[in-house]
N, C-alpha and C. Protein backbone atom coordinates (compact mmCIF):
# COMPACT_ATOMS: atom_id res chain seq x y z
N UNK A 1 6.35 -7.78 -5.11
CA UNK A 1 7.12 -6.59 -5.42
C UNK A 1 6.86 -6.13 -6.86
N UNK A 2 6.61 -7.09 -7.74
CA UNK A 2 6.36 -6.70 -9.12
C UNK A 2 5.11 -5.83 -9.24
N UNK A 3 4.11 -6.12 -8.41
CA UNK A 3 2.87 -5.34 -8.47
C UNK A 3 3.09 -3.89 -8.05
N UNK A 4 4.13 -3.65 -7.27
CA UNK A 4 4.43 -2.30 -6.82
C UNK A 4 5.16 -1.47 -7.85
N UNK A 5 5.62 -2.10 -8.92
CA UNK A 5 6.39 -1.36 -9.93
C UNK A 5 5.60 -0.16 -10.45
N UNK A 6 6.23 1.00 -10.47
CA UNK A 6 5.53 2.19 -10.96
C UNK A 6 5.22 2.07 -12.45
N UNK A 7 4.05 2.50 -12.83
CA UNK A 7 3.67 2.47 -14.24
C UNK A 7 3.36 1.09 -14.76
N UNK A 8 3.08 0.15 -13.87
CA UNK A 8 2.86 -1.23 -14.32
C UNK A 8 1.56 -1.38 -15.10
N UNK A 9 0.79 -0.32 -15.22
CA UNK A 9 -0.45 -0.37 -16.00
C UNK A 9 -0.17 -0.38 -17.51
N UNK A 10 1.05 -0.05 -17.92
CA UNK A 10 1.39 -0.02 -19.34
C UNK A 10 1.75 -1.44 -19.76
N UNK A 11 0.93 -2.04 -20.60
CA UNK A 11 1.07 -3.43 -21.02
C UNK A 11 2.45 -3.73 -21.61
N UNK A 12 3.12 -4.75 -21.09
CA UNK A 12 4.38 -5.23 -21.65
C UNK A 12 5.58 -4.34 -21.39
N UNK A 13 5.38 -3.28 -20.63
CA UNK A 13 6.48 -2.33 -20.43
C UNK A 13 7.52 -2.86 -19.46
N UNK A 14 7.12 -3.75 -18.60
CA UNK A 14 8.05 -4.21 -17.58
C UNK A 14 8.68 -5.55 -17.90
N UNK A 15 8.88 -5.79 -19.17
CA UNK A 15 9.70 -6.93 -19.56
C UNK A 15 11.10 -6.63 -19.03
N UNK A 16 11.89 -7.62 -18.83
CA UNK A 16 13.17 -7.42 -18.18
C UNK A 16 14.06 -6.35 -18.80
N UNK A 17 14.21 -6.26 -20.12
CA UNK A 17 15.08 -5.19 -20.65
C UNK A 17 14.61 -3.79 -20.25
N UNK A 18 13.31 -3.53 -20.30
CA UNK A 18 12.80 -2.20 -19.93
C UNK A 18 13.04 -1.93 -18.46
N UNK A 19 12.75 -2.91 -17.64
CA UNK A 19 12.93 -2.76 -16.20
C UNK A 19 14.42 -2.54 -15.88
N UNK A 20 15.30 -3.30 -16.53
CA UNK A 20 16.74 -3.13 -16.32
C UNK A 20 17.20 -1.73 -16.72
N UNK A 21 16.66 -1.21 -17.80
CA UNK A 21 17.01 0.15 -18.24
C UNK A 21 16.55 1.16 -17.19
N UNK A 22 15.31 1.04 -16.74
CA UNK A 22 14.78 1.97 -15.74
C UNK A 22 15.59 1.93 -14.45
N UNK A 23 15.89 0.74 -13.98
CA UNK A 23 16.66 0.63 -12.74
C UNK A 23 18.07 1.18 -12.90
N UNK A 24 18.70 0.89 -14.04
CA UNK A 24 20.04 1.41 -14.28
C UNK A 24 20.03 2.94 -14.32
N UNK A 25 19.07 3.50 -15.02
CA UNK A 25 18.97 4.97 -15.05
C UNK A 25 18.72 5.54 -13.66
N UNK A 26 17.88 4.90 -12.91
CA UNK A 26 17.57 5.35 -11.55
C UNK A 26 18.83 5.37 -10.69
N UNK A 27 19.56 4.27 -10.72
CA UNK A 27 20.78 4.15 -9.92
C UNK A 27 21.82 5.17 -10.36
N UNK A 28 22.00 5.30 -11.68
CA UNK A 28 23.01 6.23 -12.20
C UNK A 28 22.63 7.67 -11.88
N UNK A 29 21.33 8.02 -11.99
CA UNK A 29 20.92 9.38 -11.67
C UNK A 29 21.12 9.67 -10.19
N UNK A 30 20.83 8.69 -9.33
CA UNK A 30 21.04 8.87 -7.89
C UNK A 30 22.53 9.03 -7.57
N UNK A 31 23.36 8.46 -8.43
CA UNK A 31 24.82 8.56 -8.25
C UNK A 31 25.40 9.79 -8.94
N UNK A 32 24.56 10.54 -9.65
CA UNK A 32 25.03 11.73 -10.35
C UNK A 32 25.74 11.46 -11.66
N UNK A 33 25.48 10.29 -12.25
CA UNK A 33 26.13 9.89 -13.49
C UNK A 33 25.12 9.96 -14.64
N UNK A 34 25.51 10.58 -15.74
CA UNK A 34 24.64 10.63 -16.91
C UNK A 34 24.68 9.29 -17.64
N UNK A 35 23.59 9.01 -18.35
CA UNK A 35 23.49 7.74 -19.06
C UNK A 35 23.29 7.98 -20.54
N UNK A 36 24.22 7.44 -21.31
CA UNK A 36 24.08 7.53 -22.77
C UNK A 36 23.16 6.41 -23.24
N UNK A 37 22.70 6.51 -24.45
CA UNK A 37 21.85 5.47 -25.02
C UNK A 37 22.63 4.16 -25.09
N UNK A 38 23.89 4.24 -25.45
CA UNK A 38 24.74 3.04 -25.50
C UNK A 38 24.82 2.37 -24.13
N UNK A 39 25.01 3.17 -23.08
CA UNK A 39 25.07 2.60 -21.72
C UNK A 39 23.75 1.95 -21.34
N UNK A 40 22.64 2.58 -21.74
CA UNK A 40 21.33 2.01 -21.44
C UNK A 40 21.13 0.69 -22.18
N UNK A 41 21.64 0.61 -23.41
CA UNK A 41 21.55 -0.65 -24.17
C UNK A 41 22.33 -1.76 -23.47
N UNK A 42 23.48 -1.42 -22.95
CA UNK A 42 24.29 -2.40 -22.22
C UNK A 42 23.55 -2.85 -20.96
N UNK A 43 22.93 -1.88 -20.26
CA UNK A 43 22.20 -2.19 -19.03
C UNK A 43 21.02 -3.12 -19.29
N UNK A 44 20.45 -3.04 -20.49
CA UNK A 44 19.29 -3.86 -20.83
C UNK A 44 19.62 -5.34 -20.90
N UNK A 45 20.90 -5.65 -21.10
CA UNK A 45 21.35 -7.04 -21.23
C UNK A 45 20.54 -7.78 -22.29
N UNK A 46 20.37 -7.11 -23.39
CA UNK A 46 19.63 -7.67 -24.52
C UNK A 46 20.34 -7.20 -25.79
N UNK A 47 20.03 -7.78 -26.92
CA UNK A 47 20.62 -7.29 -28.17
C UNK A 47 20.32 -5.80 -28.34
N UNK A 48 21.22 -5.11 -28.98
CA UNK A 48 21.09 -3.65 -29.14
C UNK A 48 19.76 -3.25 -29.77
N UNK A 49 19.32 -3.98 -30.80
CA UNK A 49 18.06 -3.62 -31.46
C UNK A 49 16.88 -3.74 -30.48
N UNK A 50 16.91 -4.77 -29.65
CA UNK A 50 15.86 -4.95 -28.65
C UNK A 50 15.90 -3.82 -27.64
N UNK A 51 17.10 -3.51 -27.16
CA UNK A 51 17.25 -2.44 -26.18
C UNK A 51 16.79 -1.10 -26.76
N UNK A 52 17.16 -0.82 -28.01
CA UNK A 52 16.73 0.43 -28.64
C UNK A 52 15.21 0.50 -28.79
N UNK A 53 14.60 -0.64 -29.08
CA UNK A 53 13.14 -0.69 -29.18
C UNK A 53 12.49 -0.35 -27.84
N UNK A 54 13.05 -0.89 -26.77
CA UNK A 54 12.52 -0.60 -25.43
C UNK A 54 12.76 0.86 -25.05
N UNK A 55 13.92 1.39 -25.39
CA UNK A 55 14.20 2.80 -25.10
C UNK A 55 13.21 3.69 -25.84
N UNK A 56 12.95 3.39 -27.11
CA UNK A 56 11.97 4.17 -27.88
C UNK A 56 10.60 4.09 -27.24
N UNK A 57 10.24 2.92 -26.80
CA UNK A 57 8.92 2.76 -26.16
C UNK A 57 8.85 3.52 -24.84
N UNK A 58 9.89 3.45 -24.06
CA UNK A 58 9.92 4.18 -22.79
C UNK A 58 9.83 5.69 -23.02
N UNK A 59 10.47 6.15 -24.09
CA UNK A 59 10.38 7.58 -24.44
C UNK A 59 8.97 7.92 -24.93
N UNK A 60 8.38 7.07 -25.76
CA UNK A 60 7.01 7.31 -26.25
C UNK A 60 6.01 7.36 -25.10
N UNK A 61 6.22 6.50 -24.11
CA UNK A 61 5.34 6.47 -22.94
C UNK A 61 5.65 7.61 -21.97
N UNK A 62 6.64 8.41 -22.31
CA UNK A 62 7.07 9.58 -21.53
C UNK A 62 7.57 9.20 -20.14
N UNK A 63 8.23 8.06 -20.07
CA UNK A 63 8.88 7.65 -18.83
C UNK A 63 10.35 8.03 -18.85
N UNK A 64 10.90 8.13 -20.04
CA UNK A 64 12.27 8.58 -20.26
C UNK A 64 12.24 9.79 -21.19
N UNK A 65 13.30 10.57 -21.09
CA UNK A 65 13.46 11.69 -22.01
C UNK A 65 14.87 11.63 -22.60
N UNK A 66 14.96 11.97 -23.86
CA UNK A 66 16.27 12.08 -24.53
C UNK A 66 16.68 13.54 -24.46
N UNK A 67 17.90 13.76 -23.99
CA UNK A 67 18.42 15.12 -23.94
C UNK A 67 19.71 15.17 -24.74
N UNK A 68 19.83 16.13 -25.66
CA UNK A 68 21.05 16.20 -26.46
C UNK A 68 22.25 16.57 -25.60
N UNK A 69 23.39 16.01 -25.97
CA UNK A 69 24.65 16.34 -25.29
C UNK A 69 25.08 17.72 -25.77
N UNK A 70 25.39 18.60 -24.85
CA UNK A 70 25.77 19.97 -25.20
C UNK A 70 27.12 20.01 -25.93
N UNK A 71 27.97 19.03 -25.69
CA UNK A 71 29.31 19.03 -26.28
C UNK A 71 29.35 18.24 -27.58
N UNK A 72 28.75 17.07 -27.59
CA UNK A 72 28.79 16.18 -28.74
C UNK A 72 27.37 16.01 -29.28
N UNK A 73 27.08 16.66 -30.38
CA UNK A 73 25.71 16.68 -30.91
C UNK A 73 25.27 15.31 -31.44
N UNK A 74 26.21 14.39 -31.59
CA UNK A 74 25.84 13.04 -32.05
C UNK A 74 25.25 12.21 -30.91
N UNK A 75 25.49 12.61 -29.68
CA UNK A 75 25.10 11.80 -28.53
C UNK A 75 23.90 12.42 -27.81
N UNK A 76 23.07 11.53 -27.25
CA UNK A 76 21.95 11.95 -26.41
C UNK A 76 22.07 11.26 -25.05
N UNK A 77 21.65 11.97 -24.04
CA UNK A 77 21.59 11.39 -22.69
C UNK A 77 20.15 10.98 -22.43
N UNK A 78 19.99 9.93 -21.68
CA UNK A 78 18.65 9.51 -21.25
C UNK A 78 18.46 9.92 -19.80
N UNK A 79 17.30 10.45 -19.49
CA UNK A 79 16.96 10.80 -18.11
C UNK A 79 15.55 10.31 -17.82
N UNK A 80 15.32 9.99 -16.58
CA UNK A 80 13.99 9.59 -16.17
C UNK A 80 13.07 10.80 -16.15
N UNK A 81 11.86 10.62 -16.60
CA UNK A 81 10.84 11.64 -16.47
C UNK A 81 10.67 11.91 -14.96
N UNK A 82 10.36 13.14 -14.59
CA UNK A 82 10.24 13.52 -13.17
C UNK A 82 9.24 12.63 -12.44
N UNK A 83 8.10 12.36 -13.07
CA UNK A 83 7.09 11.51 -12.43
C UNK A 83 7.60 10.08 -12.25
N UNK A 84 8.32 9.59 -13.27
CA UNK A 84 8.86 8.23 -13.17
C UNK A 84 9.90 8.15 -12.07
N UNK A 85 10.73 9.17 -11.97
CA UNK A 85 11.75 9.19 -10.91
C UNK A 85 11.07 9.17 -9.54
N UNK A 86 10.00 9.96 -9.38
CA UNK A 86 9.27 9.98 -8.12
C UNK A 86 8.61 8.63 -7.84
N UNK A 87 8.08 7.99 -8.89
CA UNK A 87 7.47 6.68 -8.72
C UNK A 87 8.50 5.64 -8.31
N UNK A 88 9.69 5.71 -8.90
CA UNK A 88 10.75 4.77 -8.52
C UNK A 88 11.22 5.04 -7.09
N UNK A 89 11.26 6.30 -6.68
CA UNK A 89 11.59 6.63 -5.28
C UNK A 89 10.58 5.96 -4.34
N UNK A 90 9.30 6.09 -4.68
CA UNK A 90 8.25 5.49 -3.86
C UNK A 90 8.37 3.97 -3.85
N UNK A 91 8.68 3.38 -5.02
CA UNK A 91 8.86 1.94 -5.13
C UNK A 91 10.01 1.46 -4.24
N UNK A 92 11.13 2.17 -4.31
CA UNK A 92 12.28 1.79 -3.49
C UNK A 92 11.96 1.94 -2.00
N UNK A 93 11.22 2.98 -1.64
CA UNK A 93 10.83 3.18 -0.24
C UNK A 93 9.92 2.03 0.22
N UNK A 94 9.01 1.59 -0.66
CA UNK A 94 8.12 0.48 -0.31
C UNK A 94 8.91 -0.81 -0.12
N UNK A 95 9.90 -1.02 -0.97
CA UNK A 95 10.75 -2.22 -0.81
C UNK A 95 11.52 -2.14 0.51
N UNK A 96 12.07 -0.98 0.78
CA UNK A 96 12.83 -0.80 2.03
C UNK A 96 11.93 -1.07 3.24
N UNK A 97 10.70 -0.55 3.20
CA UNK A 97 9.76 -0.77 4.29
C UNK A 97 9.43 -2.25 4.44
N UNK A 98 9.18 -2.92 3.32
CA UNK A 98 8.84 -4.34 3.34
C UNK A 98 9.99 -5.16 3.93
N UNK A 99 11.20 -4.88 3.50
CA UNK A 99 12.34 -5.64 4.01
C UNK A 99 12.64 -5.30 5.46
N UNK A 100 12.43 -4.06 5.85
CA UNK A 100 12.62 -3.67 7.25
C UNK A 100 11.63 -4.42 8.14
N UNK A 101 10.39 -4.55 7.67
CA UNK A 101 9.38 -5.28 8.43
C UNK A 101 9.77 -6.75 8.55
N UNK A 102 10.27 -7.32 7.46
CA UNK A 102 10.72 -8.71 7.51
C UNK A 102 11.87 -8.88 8.49
N UNK A 103 12.81 -7.96 8.43
CA UNK A 103 13.98 -8.05 9.31
C UNK A 103 13.57 -7.90 10.76
N UNK A 104 12.57 -7.05 11.05
CA UNK A 104 12.12 -6.84 12.42
C UNK A 104 11.49 -8.10 12.99
N UNK A 105 10.86 -8.90 12.12
CA UNK A 105 10.20 -10.13 12.57
C UNK A 105 11.16 -11.31 12.71
N UNK A 106 12.36 -11.16 12.20
CA UNK A 106 13.31 -12.26 12.27
C UNK A 106 13.92 -12.33 13.67
N UNK A 107 14.12 -13.55 14.16
CA UNK A 107 14.75 -13.67 15.47
C UNK A 107 16.19 -13.20 15.42
N UNK A 108 16.65 -12.71 16.54
CA UNK A 108 18.04 -12.28 16.62
C UNK A 108 18.93 -13.52 16.71
N UNK A 109 20.22 -13.31 16.57
CA UNK A 109 21.16 -14.43 16.71
C UNK A 109 21.06 -15.03 18.11
N UNK A 110 20.86 -14.16 19.12
CA UNK A 110 20.75 -14.65 20.49
C UNK A 110 19.50 -15.53 20.64
N UNK A 111 18.37 -15.12 20.04
CA UNK A 111 17.16 -15.93 20.10
C UNK A 111 17.39 -17.28 19.44
N UNK A 112 18.05 -17.26 18.30
CA UNK A 112 18.34 -18.49 17.57
C UNK A 112 19.21 -19.41 18.42
N UNK A 113 20.21 -18.86 19.06
CA UNK A 113 21.11 -19.68 19.89
C UNK A 113 20.37 -20.26 21.08
N UNK A 114 19.38 -19.53 21.63
CA UNK A 114 18.57 -20.07 22.73
C UNK A 114 17.79 -21.29 22.25
N UNK A 115 17.24 -21.20 21.05
CA UNK A 115 16.49 -22.33 20.49
C UNK A 115 17.43 -23.52 20.28
N UNK A 116 18.60 -23.26 19.72
CA UNK A 116 19.57 -24.34 19.51
C UNK A 116 19.94 -24.99 20.83
N UNK A 117 20.19 -24.17 21.84
CA UNK A 117 20.55 -24.71 23.15
C UNK A 117 19.41 -25.53 23.76
N UNK A 118 18.17 -25.05 23.59
CA UNK A 118 17.01 -25.78 24.10
C UNK A 118 16.88 -27.13 23.41
N UNK A 119 17.08 -27.16 22.09
CA UNK A 119 17.00 -28.42 21.35
C UNK A 119 18.11 -29.36 21.81
N UNK A 120 19.30 -28.83 21.99
CA UNK A 120 20.42 -29.68 22.46
C UNK A 120 20.11 -30.25 23.84
N UNK A 121 19.57 -29.42 24.72
CA UNK A 121 19.22 -29.88 26.06
C UNK A 121 18.16 -30.96 25.99
N UNK A 122 17.13 -30.74 25.15
CA UNK A 122 16.06 -31.73 25.00
C UNK A 122 16.62 -33.05 24.47
N UNK A 123 17.52 -32.98 23.52
CA UNK A 123 18.13 -34.20 22.97
C UNK A 123 18.95 -34.91 24.04
N UNK A 124 19.66 -34.14 24.84
CA UNK A 124 20.43 -34.74 25.93
C UNK A 124 19.53 -35.42 26.95
N UNK A 125 18.42 -34.78 27.29
CA UNK A 125 17.46 -35.38 28.23
C UNK A 125 16.86 -36.65 27.65
N UNK A 126 16.57 -36.65 26.35
CA UNK A 126 16.04 -37.86 25.70
C UNK A 126 17.05 -39.00 25.77
N UNK A 127 18.32 -38.68 25.50
CA UNK A 127 19.35 -39.73 25.57
C UNK A 127 19.47 -40.27 26.99
N UNK A 128 19.40 -39.37 27.98
CA UNK A 128 19.48 -39.80 29.38
C UNK A 128 18.29 -40.67 29.74
N UNK A 129 17.09 -40.28 29.30
CA UNK A 129 15.88 -41.06 29.59
C UNK A 129 15.96 -42.43 28.92
N UNK A 130 16.44 -42.48 27.68
CA UNK A 130 16.56 -43.76 26.97
C UNK A 130 17.56 -44.67 27.68
N UNK A 131 18.66 -44.08 28.13
CA UNK A 131 19.68 -44.88 28.83
C UNK A 131 19.09 -45.42 30.14
N UNK A 132 18.32 -44.59 30.84
CA UNK A 132 17.70 -45.03 32.09
C UNK A 132 16.70 -46.14 31.82
N UNK A 133 15.93 -46.02 30.76
CA UNK A 133 14.96 -47.05 30.40
C UNK A 133 15.67 -48.36 30.08
N UNK A 134 16.78 -48.30 29.37
CA UNK A 134 17.53 -49.52 29.05
C UNK A 134 18.07 -50.17 30.33
N UNK A 135 18.55 -49.32 31.26
CA UNK A 135 19.04 -49.88 32.53
C UNK A 135 17.90 -50.54 33.30
N UNK A 136 16.74 -49.91 33.30
CA UNK A 136 15.60 -50.46 34.02
C UNK A 136 15.16 -51.78 33.36
N UNK A 137 15.17 -51.83 32.02
CA UNK A 137 14.81 -53.07 31.33
C UNK A 137 15.79 -54.17 31.70
N UNK A 138 17.08 -53.81 31.77
CA UNK A 138 18.09 -54.80 32.13
C UNK A 138 17.90 -55.29 33.55
N UNK A 139 17.47 -54.42 34.40
CA UNK A 139 17.33 -54.77 35.82
C UNK A 139 16.00 -55.48 36.10
N UNK A 140 14.92 -54.99 35.50
CA UNK A 140 13.61 -55.53 35.83
C UNK A 140 12.97 -56.34 34.70
N UNK A 141 13.61 -56.37 33.57
CA UNK A 141 13.08 -57.16 32.47
C UNK A 141 12.09 -56.37 31.61
N UNK A 142 11.48 -57.09 30.72
CA UNK A 142 10.58 -56.49 29.73
C UNK A 142 9.35 -55.87 30.38
N UNK A 143 8.92 -56.35 31.56
CA UNK A 143 7.72 -55.81 32.19
C UNK A 143 7.85 -54.31 32.44
N UNK A 144 9.07 -53.86 32.80
CA UNK A 144 9.29 -52.42 33.06
C UNK A 144 9.02 -51.62 31.80
N UNK A 145 9.52 -52.09 30.70
CA UNK A 145 9.35 -51.40 29.43
C UNK A 145 7.88 -51.35 29.05
N UNK A 146 7.15 -52.48 29.25
CA UNK A 146 5.71 -52.48 28.95
C UNK A 146 4.97 -51.51 29.83
N UNK A 147 5.33 -51.40 31.08
CA UNK A 147 4.68 -50.48 32.02
C UNK A 147 4.97 -49.03 31.62
N UNK A 148 6.18 -48.77 31.18
CA UNK A 148 6.56 -47.41 30.77
C UNK A 148 5.77 -47.00 29.53
N UNK A 149 5.51 -47.96 28.61
CA UNK A 149 4.72 -47.64 27.42
C UNK A 149 3.30 -47.26 27.80
N UNK A 150 2.79 -47.83 28.88
CA UNK A 150 1.45 -47.48 29.35
C UNK A 150 1.35 -46.03 29.80
N UNK A 151 2.47 -45.43 30.16
CA UNK A 151 2.47 -44.03 30.59
C UNK A 151 2.17 -43.09 29.42
N UNK A 152 2.51 -43.51 28.22
CA UNK A 152 2.25 -42.65 27.04
C UNK A 152 0.77 -42.42 26.85
N UNK A 153 -0.04 -43.43 27.18
CA UNK A 153 -1.48 -43.32 26.97
C UNK A 153 -2.12 -42.37 27.98
N UNK A 154 -1.49 -42.17 29.10
CA UNK A 154 -2.08 -41.34 30.17
C UNK A 154 -2.11 -39.89 29.85
């Protein structure tokens, strides 16, 4: 999945803080929520200076854009570049496809229960066969057991 990350050709860009910032922005934009630089720093789960360094780099690489707040000139909003947003859409679609394919190949609960029942039946048959062998040994002695072992070779 890491190889599918959009823009992975940019060296060192997908360190966890940068990736966390991109994913947080993606989720927030899909939810219709604006993201301040402070919120992005929190999403990075790294020290503020580290997060700010990654935000600056993401902006330099033109994956993010800073937009001034119309109401509060001290604040800027971060938004994904249009191409980056489209790349993340494609990445999420690829993940969804991959997981859907995995889920399609998984046995259903009913299939699993059939296997469990088959194993239980086989174990029951083994116990019955072992009990019968012990009875035969008791009745006919060790020769019966030796003869039964010869059947394995056949």
